[in-house]
Protein backbone atom coordinates (compact mmCIF):
# COMPACT_ATOMS: atom_id res chain seq x y z
CA MET A 1 -15.96 -27.18 -5.70
CA ARG A 2 -14.30 -26.84 -2.84
CA ASN A 3 -12.18 -23.78 -3.79
CA LYS A 4 -14.97 -21.86 -5.52
CA GLU A 5 -17.21 -21.96 -2.43
CA LYS A 6 -14.07 -20.63 -0.20
CA PHE A 7 -13.58 -18.32 -3.17
CA VAL A 8 -17.42 -17.09 -2.98
CA PHE A 9 -17.46 -16.52 0.77
CA TYR A 10 -14.38 -14.34 1.19
CA LEU A 11 -15.90 -12.18 -1.77
CA GLU A 12 -18.99 -11.88 0.33
CA THR A 13 -17.22 -11.08 3.33
CA PHE A 14 -14.99 -9.07 1.68
CA LEU A 15 -17.98 -7.17 -0.03
CA LEU A 16 -20.26 -6.86 3.80
CA THR A 17 -16.74 -5.43 5.12
CA VAL A 18 -16.60 -2.79 2.89
CA SER A 19 -20.10 -2.24 2.62
CA PHE A 20 -19.91 -1.43 6.86
CA VAL A 21 -17.00 0.68 6.59
CA LEU A 22 -18.98 2.75 3.64
CA VAL A 23 -21.95 3.11 6.22
CA ILE A 24 -19.36 4.34 9.31
CA VAL A 25 -18.10 6.52 6.85
CA VAL A 26 -21.23 8.24 5.82
CA LEU A 27 -22.61 8.30 9.51
CA SER A 28 -19.20 9.65 10.82
CA SER A 29 -19.45 12.95 8.32
CA PHE A 30 -22.40 13.80 9.49
CA LEU A 31 -21.78 13.45 12.64
CA VAL A 32 -19.04 15.70 12.38
CA ARG A 33 -21.24 18.43 10.32
CA SER A 34 -23.63 18.13 12.77
CA SER A 35 -20.80 19.06 15.33
CA ARG A 36 -19.53 21.67 13.04
CA LYS A 37 -22.95 23.57 12.48
CA THR A 38 -23.62 23.07 16.49
CA VAL A 39 -20.20 25.05 16.89
CA TYR A 40 -21.20 27.79 14.74
CA ALA A 41 -24.74 27.95 16.10
CA ARG A 42 -23.82 28.45 19.47
CA ASP A 43 -21.12 31.27 18.49
CA LEU A 44 -23.45 32.91 16.32
CA THR A 45 -26.23 32.99 19.49
CA ASN A 46 -23.47 34.33 21.70
CA LEU A 47 -21.88 36.85 19.04
CA VAL A 48 -25.48 38.37 18.55
CA CYS A 49 -25.74 38.90 22.30
CA LEU A 50 -22.82 40.33 23.05
CA SER A 51 -23.37 43.08 19.63
CA GLU A 52 -27.00 44.13 21.15
CA ASN A 53 -25.14 44.43 24.61
CA VAL A 54 -22.35 46.71 23.42
CA ALA A 55 -24.98 48.76 20.82
CA GLU A 56 -27.01 49.62 23.90
CA THR A 57 -23.49 50.51 25.83
CA THR A 58 -22.97 52.63 22.88
CA LYS A 59 -25.89 54.13 23.01
CA ALA A 60 -25.68 55.43 26.75
CA ALA A 61 -22.06 56.79 25.43
CA ASP A 62 -21.54 60.60 24.70
CA SER A 63 -17.79 59.63 23.26
CA LEU A 64 -15.48 57.78 21.99
CA GLU A 65 -13.51 57.89 24.85
CA GLU A 66 -16.53 57.50 27.52
CA LEU A 67 -17.41 54.49 25.20
CA TYR A 68 -13.68 52.68 25.96
CA GLU A 69 -14.61 53.43 29.57
CA LEU A 70 -18.04 51.64 29.81
CA LEU A 71 -16.47 48.50 28.17
CA ASN A 72 -13.59 48.45 29.83
CA GLU A 73 -13.95 45.60 32.25
CA ASN A 74 -10.42 43.45 33.34
CA GLY A 75 -8.49 44.81 30.38
CA ASN A 76 -10.84 43.31 27.87
CA ALA A 77 -11.28 46.57 25.49
CA SER A 78 -8.29 48.36 23.95
CA TYR A 79 -7.80 50.85 20.72
CA GLU A 80 -7.16 49.89 17.48
CA GLY A 81 -6.78 53.14 15.45
CA GLU A 82 -10.10 55.14 15.40
CA LYS A 83 -11.80 51.42 16.55
CA ILE A 84 -12.68 49.44 20.08
CA VAL A 85 -11.54 46.81 19.87
CA VAL A 86 -13.36 44.24 22.78
CA THR A 87 -13.00 40.18 24.01
CA TYR A 88 -15.30 38.16 25.78
CA ASN A 89 -14.99 33.97 26.60
CA GLU A 90 -16.85 31.67 25.66
CA GLU A 91 -19.21 32.01 29.03
CA LEU A 92 -19.47 35.69 27.59
CA LYS A 93 -17.39 37.23 30.66
CA PRO A 94 -14.98 40.24 29.66
CA ALA A 95 -11.54 38.44 29.33
CA LYS A 96 -8.29 40.12 27.72
CA ASP A 97 -7.39 36.45 25.27
CA GLY A 98 -11.40 35.48 24.87
CA ARG A 99 -12.22 33.72 22.26
CA TYR A 100 -15.26 36.51 21.19
CA ARG A 101 -13.62 39.80 19.40
CA LEU A 102 -16.01 42.69 18.99
CA THR A 103 -14.64 45.83 16.94
CA VAL A 104 -16.65 48.93 17.63
CA SER A 105 -16.52 51.76 15.10
CA TYR A 106 -17.92 54.99 16.34
CA GLN A 107 -18.59 58.28 14.71
CA ILE A 108 -20.62 61.48 15.64
CA GLU A 109 -21.43 63.93 13.29
CA ASP A 110 -24.09 66.96 13.84
CA GLN A 111 -25.37 65.16 17.07
CA MET A 112 -26.32 61.64 15.14
CA VAL A 113 -24.32 58.65 16.11
CA THR A 114 -23.15 55.97 14.21
CA ALA A 115 -21.30 52.66 15.12
CA ASP A 116 -20.61 49.54 13.52
CA ILE A 117 -19.72 46.37 15.54
CA ASP A 118 -17.78 43.62 13.71
CA ALA A 119 -18.39 40.41 15.79
CA SER A 120 -15.59 37.86 14.94
CA VAL A 121 -14.48 34.42 16.11
CA LYS A 122 -10.68 33.63 15.69
CA ASP A 123 -10.50 36.50 13.22
CA THR A 124 -13.47 35.81 11.35
CA VAL A 125 -16.43 38.00 10.80
CA ILE A 126 -19.37 36.23 11.87
CA TYR A 127 -22.13 39.09 12.93
CA ASP A 128 -21.96 42.65 11.91
CA LEU A 129 -24.45 44.86 13.08
CA GLU A 130 -24.93 48.55 12.72
CA LEU A 131 -25.99 51.31 14.57
CA VAL A 132 -27.40 54.93 14.05
CA GLN A 133 -29.01 57.29 17.12
CA TYR A 134 -29.54 60.88 16.98
CA LYS A 135 -28.56 62.20 20.26
CA GLY A 136 -30.43 65.78 19.88
CA GLY A 137 -32.75 66.90 22.38
CA THR A 138 -36.17 68.30 21.51
CA GLU A 139 -36.87 71.93 21.73
C-alpha cells in the first residue's frame, strides 16, 4: 500500500507541475503578443505623424529639387531614382540611418501635383499616403 501512495503522490506532483508550466507558457505567449502589438501600434502612430509632416512639406514644394531641399536635414534625405527617401529615428528626428523610412514619389503634370508617400520600418511598408494638389492660381 505504501508504494501505491508514493506513486499517487508523484503523479499528482507531476500533473500539478505540468499544469503550472502550461499556465506560464500561455501567459508568456499573451505577453509576447501584446508587446509586439504595442511596438507595431507605436510604429504606425509615428509613421502616420511623419507622413502627415512630409505631406505638408510636399504641398509647399514647387519641384522635386525644392522638396528635397525642404526635407533634407542633417543628411537624412537621398535620391533613389525619381524618388526621395527620408529617414528619421525613433524620436522622430532626422537621422541618416534612422528606424523610420519614408519614400516620396513626386510628379507635376499641368499644375497638378501627385505624390505617394510610403512609410516603412525595416523595409516593411506599414503606411501609405497619396496626395493630390492643384497648384494653379485663380483667374
